[in-house]
């Protein structure tokens, strides 16, 4: 199973300016996938972030995917994300082998 973070053009919600800093990430909207190359289970979420100090600030244009992923992995329980994405994967994988049944008892 392979796990990947997915970002879109609208994933990064930023403050235009704050305390002399510009383009400060306030929220990252993300997707996380579990895939075997044929079937993919995806979950989605977002994480909010406090404004950085000027010493901690990395200009938006200098951020890398690896840096963003490290923030998200610090902010989330990665094992739980993997389990949730695998659950979605298994729902898709087993969709043809499932059916809805009434309770086996009187309601």
PDB file of N, CA and C in Angstrom:
ATOM      1  N   UNK A   1       0.849  -1.171   0.000  1.00  0.00           N
ATOM      2  CA  UNK A   1       0.000   0.000   0.000  1.00  0.00           C
ATOM      3  C   UNK A   1       0.897   1.238   0.000  1.00  0.00           C
ATOM      4  N   UNK A   2       0.554   2.190  -0.822  1.00  0.00           N
ATOM      5  CA  UNK A   2       1.284   3.459  -0.909  1.00  0.00           C
ATOM      6  C   UNK A   2       0.375   4.571  -0.391  1.00  0.00           C
ATOM      7  N   UNK A   3       0.949   5.508   0.336  1.00  0.00           N
ATOM      8  CA  UNK A   3       0.199   6.633   0.906  1.00  0.00           C
ATOM      9  C   UNK A   3       0.751   7.934   0.341  1.00  0.00           C
ATOM     10  N   UNK A   4      -0.156   8.856  -0.013  1.00  0.00           N
ATOM     11  CA  UNK A   4       0.266  10.126  -0.604  1.00  0.00           C
ATOM     12  C   UNK A   4      -0.617  11.270  -0.112  1.00  0.00           C
ATOM     13  N   UNK A   5       0.006  12.428   0.055  1.00  0.00           N
ATOM     14  CA  UNK A   5      -0.716  13.671   0.311  1.00  0.00           C
ATOM     15  C   UNK A   5      -1.037  14.295  -1.042  1.00  0.00           C
ATOM     16  N   UNK A   6      -2.246  14.845  -1.172  1.00  0.00           N
ATOM     17  CA  UNK A   6      -2.677  15.460  -2.425  1.00  0.00           C
ATOM     18  C   UNK A   6      -3.091  16.904  -2.126  1.00  0.00           C
ATOM     19  N   UNK A   7      -2.605  17.820  -2.957  1.00  0.00           N
ATOM     20  CA  UNK A   7      -2.952  19.230  -2.827  1.00  0.00           C
ATOM     21  C   UNK A   7      -3.516  19.722  -4.152  1.00  0.00           C
ATOM     22  N   UNK A   8      -4.446  20.670  -4.076  1.00  0.00           N
ATOM     23  CA  UNK A   8      -5.047  21.270  -5.266  1.00  0.00           C
ATOM     24  C   UNK A   8      -4.662  22.740  -5.331  1.00  0.00           C
ATOM     25  N   UNK A   9      -5.060  23.394  -6.405  1.00  0.00           N
ATOM     26  CA  UNK A   9      -4.771  24.824  -6.571  1.00  0.00           C
ATOM     27  C   UNK A   9      -5.370  25.669  -5.456  1.00  0.00           C
ATOM     28  N   UNK A  10      -6.440  25.187  -4.831  1.00  0.00           N
ATOM     29  CA  UNK A  10      -7.099  25.959  -3.775  1.00  0.00           C
ATOM     30  C   UNK A  10      -6.849  25.380  -2.377  1.00  0.00           C
ATOM     31  N   UNK A  11      -5.754  24.656  -2.208  1.00  0.00           N
ATOM     32  CA  UNK A  11      -5.452  24.011  -0.922  1.00  0.00           C
ATOM     33  C   UNK A  11      -4.945  24.964   0.147  1.00  0.00           C
ATOM     34  N   UNK A  12      -4.363  26.079  -0.244  1.00  0.00           N
ATOM     35  CA  UNK A  12      -3.675  26.927   0.724  1.00  0.00           C
ATOM     36  C   UNK A  12      -4.425  28.240   0.947  1.00  0.00           C
ATOM     37  N   UNK A  13      -5.013  28.354   2.136  1.00  0.00           N
ATOM     38  CA  UNK A  13      -5.719  29.570   2.529  1.00  0.00           C
ATOM     39  C   UNK A  13      -4.720  30.433   3.287  1.00  0.00           C
ATOM     40  N   UNK A  14      -4.466  31.627   2.769  1.00  0.00           N
ATOM     41  CA  UNK A  14      -3.417  32.486   3.324  1.00  0.00           C
ATOM     42  C   UNK A  14      -3.942  33.861   3.707  1.00  0.00           C
ATOM     43  N   UNK A  15      -3.327  34.418   4.744  1.00  0.00           N
ATOM     44  CA  UNK A  15      -3.551  35.824   5.080  1.00  0.00           C
ATOM     45  C   UNK A  15      -2.653  36.633   4.154  1.00  0.00           C
ATOM     46  N   UNK A  16      -3.199  37.680   3.551  1.00  0.00           N
ATOM     47  CA  UNK A  16      -2.398  38.487   2.627  1.00  0.00           C
ATOM     48  C   UNK A  16      -1.243  39.163   3.341  1.00  0.00           C
ATOM     49  N   UNK A  17      -1.513  39.714   4.527  1.00  0.00           N
ATOM     50  CA  UNK A  17      -0.466  40.414   5.270  1.00  0.00           C
ATOM     51  C   UNK A  17      -0.799  40.400   6.759  1.00  0.00           C
ATOM     52  N   UNK A  18       0.233  40.258   7.584  1.00  0.00           N
ATOM     53  CA  UNK A  18       0.071  40.257   9.033  1.00  0.00           C
ATOM     54  C   UNK A  18       1.418  40.545   9.673  1.00  0.00           C
ATOM     55  N   UNK A  19       1.474  41.559  10.481  1.00  0.00           N
ATOM     56  CA  UNK A  19       2.703  41.918  11.207  1.00  0.00           C
ATOM     57  C   UNK A  19       3.922  42.033  10.299  1.00  0.00           C
ATOM     58  N   UNK A  20       3.738  42.605   9.119  1.00  0.00           N
ATOM     59  CA  UNK A  20       4.850  42.799   8.201  1.00  0.00           C
ATOM     60  C   UNK A  20       5.182  41.583   7.348  1.00  0.00           C
ATOM     61  N   UNK A  21       4.472  40.472   7.542  1.00  0.00           N
ATOM     62  CA  UNK A  21       4.695  39.255   6.740  1.00  0.00           C
ATOM     63  C   UNK A  21       3.572  39.155   5.709  1.00  0.00           C
ATOM     64  N   UNK A  22       3.840  38.497   4.587  1.00  0.00           N
ATOM     65  CA  UNK A  22       2.819  38.350   3.554  1.00  0.00           C
ATOM     66  C   UNK A  22       2.620  36.882   3.190  1.00  0.00           C
ATOM     67  N   UNK A  23       1.418  36.595   2.682  1.00  0.00           N
ATOM     68  CA  UNK A  23       1.057  35.239   2.247  1.00  0.00           C
ATOM     69  C   UNK A  23       1.349  34.197   3.326  1.00  0.00           C
ATOM     70  N   UNK A  24       0.716  34.388   4.460  1.00  0.00           N
ATOM     71  CA  UNK A  24       0.919  33.513   5.615  1.00  0.00           C
ATOM     72  C   UNK A  24      -0.127  32.404   5.577  1.00  0.00           C
ATOM     73  N   UNK A  25       0.305  31.163   5.560  1.00  0.00           N
ATOM     74  CA  UNK A  25      -0.629  30.042   5.524  1.00  0.00           C
ATOM     75  C   UNK A  25      -1.398  29.982   6.838  1.00  0.00           C
ATOM     76  N   UNK A  26      -2.725  30.048   6.710  1.00  0.00           N
ATOM     77  CA  UNK A  26      -3.601  29.922   7.876  1.00  0.00           C
ATOM     78  C   UNK A  26      -4.264  28.550   7.924  1.00  0.00           C
ATOM     79  N   UNK A  27      -4.528  27.985   6.750  1.00  0.00           N
ATOM     80  CA  UNK A  27      -5.217  26.695   6.683  1.00  0.00           C
ATOM     81  C   UNK A  27      -4.772  25.950   5.419  1.00  0.00           C
ATOM     82  N   UNK A  28      -4.541  24.665   5.581  1.00  0.00           N
ATOM     83  CA  UNK A  28      -4.199  23.817   4.436  1.00  0.00           C
ATOM     84  C   UNK A  28      -5.301  22.774   4.279  1.00  0.00           C
ATOM     85  N   UNK A  29      -5.949  22.772   3.116  1.00  0.00           N
ATOM     86  CA  UNK A  29      -6.950  21.769   2.764  1.00  0.00           C
ATOM     87  C   UNK A  29      -6.209  20.668   1.997  1.00  0.00           C
ATOM     88  N   UNK A  30      -6.368  19.435   2.439  1.00  0.00           N
ATOM     89  CA  UNK A  30      -5.591  18.344   1.868  1.00  0.00           C
ATOM     90  C   UNK A  30      -6.460  17.120   1.622  1.00  0.00           C
ATOM     91  N   UNK A  31      -5.901  16.218   0.831  1.00  0.00           N
ATOM     92  CA  UNK A  31      -6.450  14.872   0.653  1.00  0.00           C
ATOM     93  C   UNK A  31      -5.310  13.914   0.943  1.00  0.00           C
ATOM     94  N   UNK A  32      -5.671  12.739   1.454  1.00  0.00           N
ATOM     95  CA  UNK A  32      -4.676  11.718   1.778  1.00  0.00           C
ATOM     96  C   UNK A  32      -5.177  10.420   1.175  1.00  0.00           C
ATOM     97  N   UNK A  33      -4.320   9.739   0.427  1.00  0.00           N
ATOM     98  CA  UNK A  33      -4.767   8.543  -0.272  1.00  0.00           C
ATOM     99  C   UNK A  33      -3.978   7.314   0.127  1.00  0.00           C
ATOM    100  N   UNK A  34      -4.685   6.180   0.054  1.00  0.00           N
ATOM    101  CA  UNK A  34      -4.076   4.859   0.156  1.00  0.00           C
ATOM    102  C   UNK A  34      -4.346   4.204  -1.190  1.00  0.00           C
ATOM    103  N   UNK A  35      -3.291   3.739  -1.857  1.00  0.00           N
ATOM    104  CA  UNK A  35      -3.476   3.176  -3.200  1.00  0.00           C
ATOM    105  C   UNK A  35      -2.570   1.977  -3.423  1.00  0.00           C
ATOM    106  N   UNK A  36      -3.054   1.081  -4.251  1.00  0.00           N
ATOM    107  CA  UNK A  36      -2.217  -0.029  -4.698  1.00  0.00           C
ATOM    108  C   UNK A  36      -1.875   0.147  -6.176  1.00  0.00           C
ATOM    109  N   UNK A  37      -2.196   1.312  -6.714  1.00  0.00           N
ATOM    110  CA  UNK A  37      -1.955   1.594  -8.128  1.00  0.00           C
ATOM    111  C   UNK A  37      -3.179   1.369  -8.978  1.00  0.00           C
ATOM    112  N   UNK A  38      -4.098   0.515  -8.522  1.00  0.00           N
ATOM    113  CA  UNK A  38      -5.331   0.245  -9.261  1.00  0.00           C
ATOM    114  C   UNK A  38      -6.548   0.827  -8.558  1.00  0.00           C
ATOM    115  N   UNK A  39      -6.563   0.711  -7.246  1.00  0.00           N
ATOM    116  CA  UNK A  39      -7.672   1.199  -6.433  1.00  0.00           C
ATOM    117  C   UNK A  39      -7.112   2.249  -5.481  1.00  0.00           C
ATOM    118  N   UNK A  40      -7.875   3.315  -5.279  1.00  0.00           N
ATOM    119  CA  UNK A  40      -7.438   4.393  -4.401  1.00  0.00           C
ATOM    120  C   UNK A  40      -8.548   4.775  -3.447  1.00  0.00           C
ATOM    121  N   UNK A  41      -8.220   4.797  -2.170  1.00  0.00           N
ATOM    122  CA  UNK A  41      -9.133   5.299  -1.147  1.00  0.00           C
ATOM    123  C   UNK A  41      -8.629   6.662  -0.703  1.00  0.00           C
ATOM    124  N   UNK A  42      -9.517   7.650  -0.664  1.00  0.00           N
ATOM    125  CA  UNK A  42      -9.105   9.019  -0.348  1.00  0.00           C
ATOM    126  C   UNK A  42      -9.947   9.574   0.794  1.00  0.00           C
ATOM    127  N   UNK A  43      -9.258  10.241   1.714  1.00  0.00           N
ATOM    128  CA  UNK A  43      -9.935  11.009   2.752  1.00  0.00           C
ATOM    129  C   UNK A  43      -9.508  12.464   2.582  1.00  0.00           C
ATOM    130  N   UNK A  44     -10.269  13.370   3.155  1.00  0.00           N
ATOM    131  CA  UNK A  44      -9.953  14.796   3.031  1.00  0.00           C
ATOM    132  C   UNK A  44     -10.034  15.458   4.390  1.00  0.00           C
ATOM    133  N   UNK A  45      -9.306  16.554   4.524  1.00  0.00           N
ATOM    134  CA  UNK A  45      -9.342  17.309   5.765  1.00  0.00           C
ATOM    135  C   UNK A  45      -8.667  18.648   5.590  1.00  0.00           C
ATOM    136  N   UNK A  46      -8.556  19.366   6.693  1.00  0.00           N
ATOM    137  CA  UNK A  46      -7.822  20.617   6.677  1.00  0.00           C
ATOM    138  C   UNK A  46      -7.228  20.845   8.064  1.00  0.00           C
ATOM    139  N   UNK A  47      -6.148  21.566   8.090  1.00  0.00           N
ATOM    140  CA  UNK A  47      -5.486  21.933   9.331  1.00  0.00           C
ATOM    141  C   UNK A  47      -5.256  23.428   9.346  1.00  0.00           C
ATOM    142  N   UNK A  48      -5.572  24.034  10.462  1.00  0.00           N
ATOM    143  CA  UNK A  48      -5.294  25.444  10.656  1.00  0.00           C
ATOM    144  C   UNK A  48      -3.950  25.615  11.350  1.00  0.00           C
ATOM    145  N   UNK A  49      -3.310  26.738  11.111  1.00  0.00           N
ATOM    146  CA  UNK A  49      -1.991  26.999  11.689  1.00  0.00           C
ATOM    147  C   UNK A  49      -1.957  28.400  12.283  1.00  0.00           C
ATOM    148  N   UNK A  50      -1.240  28.528  13.386  1.00  0.00           N
ATOM    149  CA  UNK A  50      -1.035  29.835  14.009  1.00  0.00           C
ATOM    150  C   UNK A  50      -0.064  30.638  13.155  1.00  0.00           C
ATOM    151  N   UNK A  51      -0.197  31.942  13.254  1.00  0.00           N
ATOM    152  CA  UNK A  51       0.729  32.814  12.527  1.00  0.00           C
ATOM    153  C   UNK A  51       2.141  32.613  13.075  1.00  0.00           C
ATOM    154  N   UNK A  52       3.113  32.524  12.207  1.00  0.00           N
ATOM    155  CA  UNK A  52       4.491  32.332  12.659  1.00  0.00           C
ATOM    156  C   UNK A  52       5.095  33.628  13.185  1.00  0.00           C
ATOM    157  N   UNK A  53       6.158  33.493  13.925  1.00  0.00           N
ATOM    158  CA  UNK A  53       6.934  34.678  14.291  1.00  0.00           C
ATOM    159  C   UNK A  53       7.799  35.020  13.088  1.00  0.00           C
ATOM    160  N   UNK A  54       8.332  36.202  13.066  1.00  0.00           N
ATOM    161  CA  UNK A  54       9.174  36.581  11.928  1.00  0.00           C
ATOM    162  C   UNK A  54      10.413  35.688  11.847  1.00  0.00           C
ATOM    163  N   UNK A  55      10.857  35.135  12.984  1.00  0.00           N
ATOM    164  CA  UNK A  55      12.027  34.242  12.980  1.00  0.00           C
ATOM    165  C   UNK A  55      11.696  32.872  12.375  1.00  0.00           C
ATOM    166  N   UNK A  56      10.440  32.414  12.566  1.00  0.00           N
ATOM    167  CA  UNK A  56      10.018  31.097  12.066  1.00  0.00           C
ATOM    168  C   UNK A  56       9.452  31.146  10.653  1.00  0.00           C
ATOM    169  N   UNK A  57       9.199  32.323  10.146  1.00  0.00           N
ATOM    170  CA  UNK A  57       8.494  32.487   8.887  1.00  0.00           C
ATOM    171  C   UNK A  57       9.339  32.047   7.698  1.00  0.00           C
ATOM    172  N   UNK A  58       8.696  31.270   6.826  1.00  0.00           N
ATOM    173  CA  UNK A  58       9.300  30.884   5.553  1.00  0.00           C
ATOM    174  C   UNK A  58       8.437  31.523   4.469  1.00  0.00           C
ATOM    175  N   UNK A  59       9.005  32.355   3.612  1.00  0.00           N
ATOM    176  CA  UNK A  59       8.196  32.974   2.550  1.00  0.00           C
ATOM    177  C   UNK A  59       7.452  31.904   1.744  1.00  0.00           C
ATOM    178  N   UNK A  60       6.212  32.217   1.408  1.00  0.00           N
ATOM    179  CA  UNK A  60       5.341  31.270   0.704  1.00  0.00           C
ATOM    180  C   UNK A  60       6.036  30.669  -0.516  1.00  0.00           C
ATOM    181  N   UNK A  61       6.675  31.509  -1.299  1.00  0.00           N
ATOM    182  CA  UNK A  61       7.303  31.031  -2.539  1.00  0.00           C
ATOM    183  C   UNK A  61       8.506  30.122  -2.289  1.00  0.00           C
ATOM    184  N   UNK A  62       9.010  30.088  -1.049  1.00  0.00           N
ATOM    185  CA  UNK A  62      10.150  29.229  -0.707  1.00  0.00           C
ATOM    186  C   UNK A  62       9.742  27.900  -0.076  1.00  0.00           C
ATOM    187  N   UNK A  63       8.453  27.732   0.214  1.00  0.00           N
ATOM    188  CA  UNK A  63       7.988  26.483   0.834  1.00  0.00           C
ATOM    189  C   UNK A  63       8.068  25.330  -0.163  1.00  0.00           C
ATOM    190  N   UNK A  64       8.400  24.162   0.339  1.00  0.00           N
ATOM    191  CA  UNK A  64       8.453  22.959  -0.494  1.00  0.00           C
ATOM    192  C   UNK A  64       7.329  22.011  -0.084  1.00  0.00           C
ATOM    193  N   UNK A  65       7.022  21.086  -0.942  1.00  0.00           N
ATOM    194  CA  UNK A  65       6.018  20.068  -0.632  1.00  0.00           C
ATOM    195  C   UNK A  65       6.440  19.291   0.615  1.00  0.00           C
ATOM    196  N   UNK A  66       7.711  18.993   0.728  1.00  0.00           N
ATOM    197  CA  UNK A  66       8.219  18.243   1.879  1.00  0.00           C
ATOM    198  C   UNK A  66       8.001  19.011   3.174  1.00  0.00           C
ATOM    199  N   UNK A  67       8.202  20.340   3.144  1.00  0.00           N
ATOM    200  CA  UNK A  67       7.988  21.175   4.335  1.00  0.00           C
ATOM    201  C   UNK A  67       6.517  21.151   4.747  1.00  0.00           C
ATOM    202  N   UNK A  68       5.638  21.319   3.766  1.00  0.00           N
ATOM    203  CA  UNK A  68       4.198  21.303   4.039  1.00  0.00           C
ATOM    204  C   UNK A  68       3.789  19.944   4.618  1.00  0.00           C
ATOM    205  N   UNK A  69       4.270  18.861   4.013  1.00  0.00           N
ATOM    206  CA  UNK A  69       3.940  17.522   4.510  1.00  0.00           C
ATOM    207  C   UNK A  69       4.447  17.341   5.932  1.00  0.00           C
ATOM    208  N   UNK A  70       5.626  17.850   6.242  1.00  0.00           N
ATOM    209  CA  UNK A  70       6.143  17.711   7.613  1.00  0.00           C
ATOM    210  C   UNK A  70       5.230  18.436   8.603  1.00  0.00           C
ATOM    211  N   UNK A  71       4.692  19.603   8.227  1.00  0.00           N
ATOM    212  CA  UNK A  71       3.744  20.306   9.102  1.00  0.00           C
ATOM    213  C   UNK A  71       2.490  19.475   9.322  1.00  0.00           C
ATOM    214  N   UNK A  72       1.971  18.890   8.234  1.00  0.00           N
ATOM    215  CA  UNK A  72       0.740  18.107   8.329  1.00  0.00           C
ATOM    216  C   UNK A  72       0.953  16.829   9.131  1.00  0.00           C
ATOM    217  N   UNK A  73       2.102  16.194   8.960  1.00  0.00           N
ATOM    218  CA  UNK A  73       2.381  14.979   9.719  1.00  0.00           C
ATOM    219  C   UNK A  73       2.577  15.285  11.200  1.00  0.00           C
ATOM    220  N   UNK A  74       3.062  16.476  11.497  1.00  0.00           N
ATOM    221  CA  UNK A  74       3.201  16.903  12.884  1.00  0.00           C
ATOM    222  C   UNK A  74       1.830  17.203  13.502  1.00  0.00           C
ATOM    223  N   UNK A  75       0.914  17.701  12.688  1.00  0.00           N
ATOM    224  CA  UNK A  75      -0.398  18.127  13.169  1.00  0.00           C
ATOM    225  C   UNK A  75      -1.433  16.997  13.204  1.00  0.00           C
ATOM    226  N   UNK A  76      -1.150  15.862  12.574  1.00  0.00           N
ATOM    227  CA  UNK A  76      -2.112  14.766  12.464  1.00  0.00           C
ATOM    228  C   UNK A  76      -1.519  13.459  12.968  1.00  0.00           C
ATOM    229  N   UNK A  77      -2.402  12.536  13.305  1.00  0.00           N
ATOM    230  CA  UNK A  77      -2.006  11.174  13.657  1.00  0.00           C
ATOM    231  C   UNK A  77      -1.921  10.393  12.342  1.00  0.00           C
ATOM    232  N   UNK A  78      -0.716  10.222  11.838  1.00  0.00           N
ATOM    233  CA  UNK A  78      -0.520   9.616  10.511  1.00  0.00           C
ATOM    234  C   UNK A  78      -1.049   8.181  10.479  1.00  0.00           C
ATOM    235  N   UNK A  79      -0.878   7.431  11.554  1.00  0.00           N
ATOM    236  CA  UNK A  79      -1.410   6.054  11.581  1.00  0.00           C
ATOM    237  C   UNK A  79      -2.925   6.060  11.427  1.00  0.00           C
ATOM    238  N   UNK A  80      -3.588   7.026  12.054  1.00  0.00           N
ATOM    239  CA  UNK A  80      -5.043   7.136  11.927  1.00  0.00           C
ATOM    240  C   UNK A  80      -5.442   7.538  10.511  1.00  0.00           C
ATOM    241  N   UNK A  81      -4.681   8.443   9.902  1.00  0.00           N
ATOM    242  CA  UNK A  81      -4.950   8.823   8.508  1.00  0.00           C
ATOM    243  C   UNK A  81      -4.815   7.613   7.589  1.00  0.00           C
ATOM    244  N   UNK A  82      -3.764   6.822   7.798  1.00  0.00           N
ATOM    245  CA  UNK A  82      -3.560   5.631   6.978  1.00  0.00           C
ATOM    246  C   UNK A  82      -4.711   4.646   7.156  1.00  0.00           C
ATOM    247  N   UNK A  83      -5.138   4.447   8.407  1.00  0.00           N
ATOM    248  CA  UNK A  83      -6.245   3.520   8.669  1.00  0.00           C
ATOM    249  C   UNK A  83      -7.534   4.013   8.008  1.00  0.00           C
ATOM    250  N   UNK A  84      -7.790   5.304   8.075  1.00  0.00           N
ATOM    251  CA  UNK A  84      -9.002   5.862   7.451  1.00  0.00           C
ATOM    252  C   UNK A  84      -8.950   5.760   5.931  1.00  0.00           C
ATOM    253  N   UNK A  85      -7.806   6.056   5.342  1.00  0.00           N
ATOM    254  CA  UNK A  85      -7.657   5.952   3.889  1.00  0.00           C
ATOM    255  C   UNK A  85      -7.758   4.490   3.454  1.00  0.00           C
ATOM    256  N   UNK A  86      -7.193   3.573   4.237  1.00  0.00           N
ATOM    257  CA  UNK A  86      -7.306   2.142   3.921  1.00  0.00           C
ATOM    258  C   UNK A  86      -8.753   1.682   4.015  1.00  0.00           C
ATOM    259  N   UNK A  87      -9.495   2.207   4.982  1.00  0.00           N
ATOM    260  CA  UNK A  87     -10.912   1.866   5.094  1.00  0.00           C
ATOM    261  C   UNK A  87     -11.642   2.268   3.806  1.00  0.00           C
ATOM    262  N   UNK A  88     -11.392   3.479   3.323  1.00  0.00           N
ATOM    263  CA  UNK A  88     -12.008   3.929   2.072  1.00  0.00           C
ATOM    264  C   UNK A  88     -11.569   3.036   0.909  1.00  0.00           C
ATOM    265  N   UNK A  89     -10.299   2.689   0.881  1.00  0.00           N
ATOM    266  CA  UNK A  89      -9.759   1.781  -0.135  1.00  0.00           C
ATOM    267  C   UNK A  89     -10.534   0.460  -0.108  1.00  0.00           C
ATOM    268  N   UNK A  90     -10.699  -0.110   1.083  1.00  0.00           N
ATOM    269  CA  UNK A  90     -11.392  -1.401   1.210  1.00  0.00           C
ATOM    270  C   UNK A  90     -12.867  -1.301   0.848  1.00  0.00           C
ATOM    271  N   UNK A  91     -13.498  -0.154   1.135  1.00  0.00           N
ATOM    272  CA  UNK A  91     -14.892   0.036   0.735  1.00  0.00           C
ATOM    273  C   UNK A  91     -15.026  -0.047  -0.784  1.00  0.00           C
ATOM    274  N   UNK A  92     -14.091   0.565  -1.478  1.00  0.00           N
ATOM    275  CA  UNK A  92     -14.117   0.539  -2.946  1.00  0.00           C
ATOM    276  C   UNK A  92     -13.763  -0.853  -3.458  1.00  0.00           C
ATOM    277  N   UNK A  93     -12.718  -1.439  -2.900  1.00  0.00           N
ATOM    278  CA  UNK A  93     -12.257  -2.763  -3.334  1.00  0.00           C
ATOM    279  C   UNK A  93     -13.341  -3.823  -3.164  1.00  0.00           C
ATOM    280  N   UNK A  94     -14.091  -3.734  -2.071  1.00  0.00           N
ATOM    281  CA  UNK A  94     -15.090  -4.762  -1.765  1.00  0.00           C
ATOM    282  C   UNK A  94     -16.504  -4.378  -2.181  1.00  0.00           C
ATOM    283  N   UNK A  95     -16.664  -3.295  -2.910  1.00  0.00           N
ATOM    284  CA  UNK A  95     -18.001  -2.801  -3.267  1.00  0.00           C
ATOM    285  C   UNK A  95     -18.824  -3.849  -4.009  1.00  0.00           C
ATOM    286  N   UNK A  96     -18.220  -4.625  -4.859  1.00  0.00           N
ATOM    287  CA  UNK A  96     -18.953  -5.641  -5.611  1.00  0.00           C
ATOM    288  C   UNK A  96     -19.284  -6.861  -4.784  1.00  0.00           C
ATOM    289  N   UNK A  97     -18.742  -6.945  -3.584  1.00  0.00           N
ATOM    290  CA  UNK A  97     -18.945  -8.106  -2.732  1.00  0.00           C
ATOM    291  C   UNK A  97     -19.742  -7.735  -1.480  1.00  0.00           C
ATOM    292  N   UNK A  98     -20.489  -6.640  -1.540  1.00  0.00           N
ATOM    293  CA  UNK A  98     -21.271  -6.201  -0.392  1.00  0.00           C
ATOM    294  C   UNK A  98     -22.723  -6.049  -0.785  1.00  0.00           C
ATOM    295  N   UNK A  99     -23.590  -6.203   0.205  1.00  0.00           N
ATOM    296  CA  UNK A  99     -25.009  -5.948  -0.004  1.00  0.00           C
ATOM    297  C   UNK A  99     -25.602  -5.420   1.297  1.00  0.00           C
ATOM    298  N   UNK A 100     -26.716  -4.749   1.189  1.00  0.00           N
ATOM    299  CA  UNK A 100     -27.420  -4.220   2.347  1.00  0.00           C
ATOM    300  C   UNK A 100     -28.511  -5.225   2.705  1.00  0.00           C
ATOM    301  N   UNK A 101     -28.526  -5.672   3.959  1.00  0.00           N
ATOM    302  CA  UNK A 101     -29.510  -6.623   4.430  1.00  0.00           C
ATOM    303  C   UNK A 101     -30.299  -6.009   5.585  1.00  0.00           C
ATOM    304  N   UNK A 102     -31.548  -6.432   5.745  1.00  0.00           N
ATOM    305  CA  UNK A 102     -32.315  -5.984   6.909  1.00  0.00           C
ATOM    306  C   UNK A 102     -31.754  -6.670   8.168  1.00  0.00           C
ATOM    307  N   UNK A 103     -32.100  -6.149   9.335  1.00  0.00           N
ATOM    308  CA  UNK A 103     -31.630  -6.812  10.562  1.00  0.00           C
ATOM    309  C   UNK A 103     -32.118  -8.259  10.606  1.00  0.00           C
ATOM    310  N   UNK A 104     -31.367  -9.161  11.195  1.00  0.00           N
ATOM    311  CA  UNK A 104     -31.777 -10.555  11.278  1.00  0.00           C
ATOM    312  C   UNK A 104     -32.775 -10.793  12.409  1.00  0.00           C
ATOM    313  N   UNK A 105     -33.403  -9.735  12.861  1.00  0.00           N
ATOM    314  CA  UNK A 105     -34.380  -9.817  13.965  1.00  0.00           C
ATOM    315  C   UNK A 105     -35.505  -8.828  13.686  1.00  0.00           C
ATOM    316  N   UNK A 106     -36.614  -8.939  14.398  1.00  0.00           N
ATOM    317  CA  UNK A 106     -37.731  -8.018  14.215  1.00  0.00           C
ATOM    318  C   UNK A 106     -37.385  -6.656  14.782  1.00  0.00           C
ATOM    319  N   UNK A 107     -37.789  -5.638  14.062  1.00  0.00           N
ATOM    320  CA  UNK A 107     -37.528  -4.273  14.529  1.00  0.00           C
ATOM    321  C   UNK A 107     -38.771  -3.781  15.282  1.00  0.00           C
TER     322      UNK A 107
END
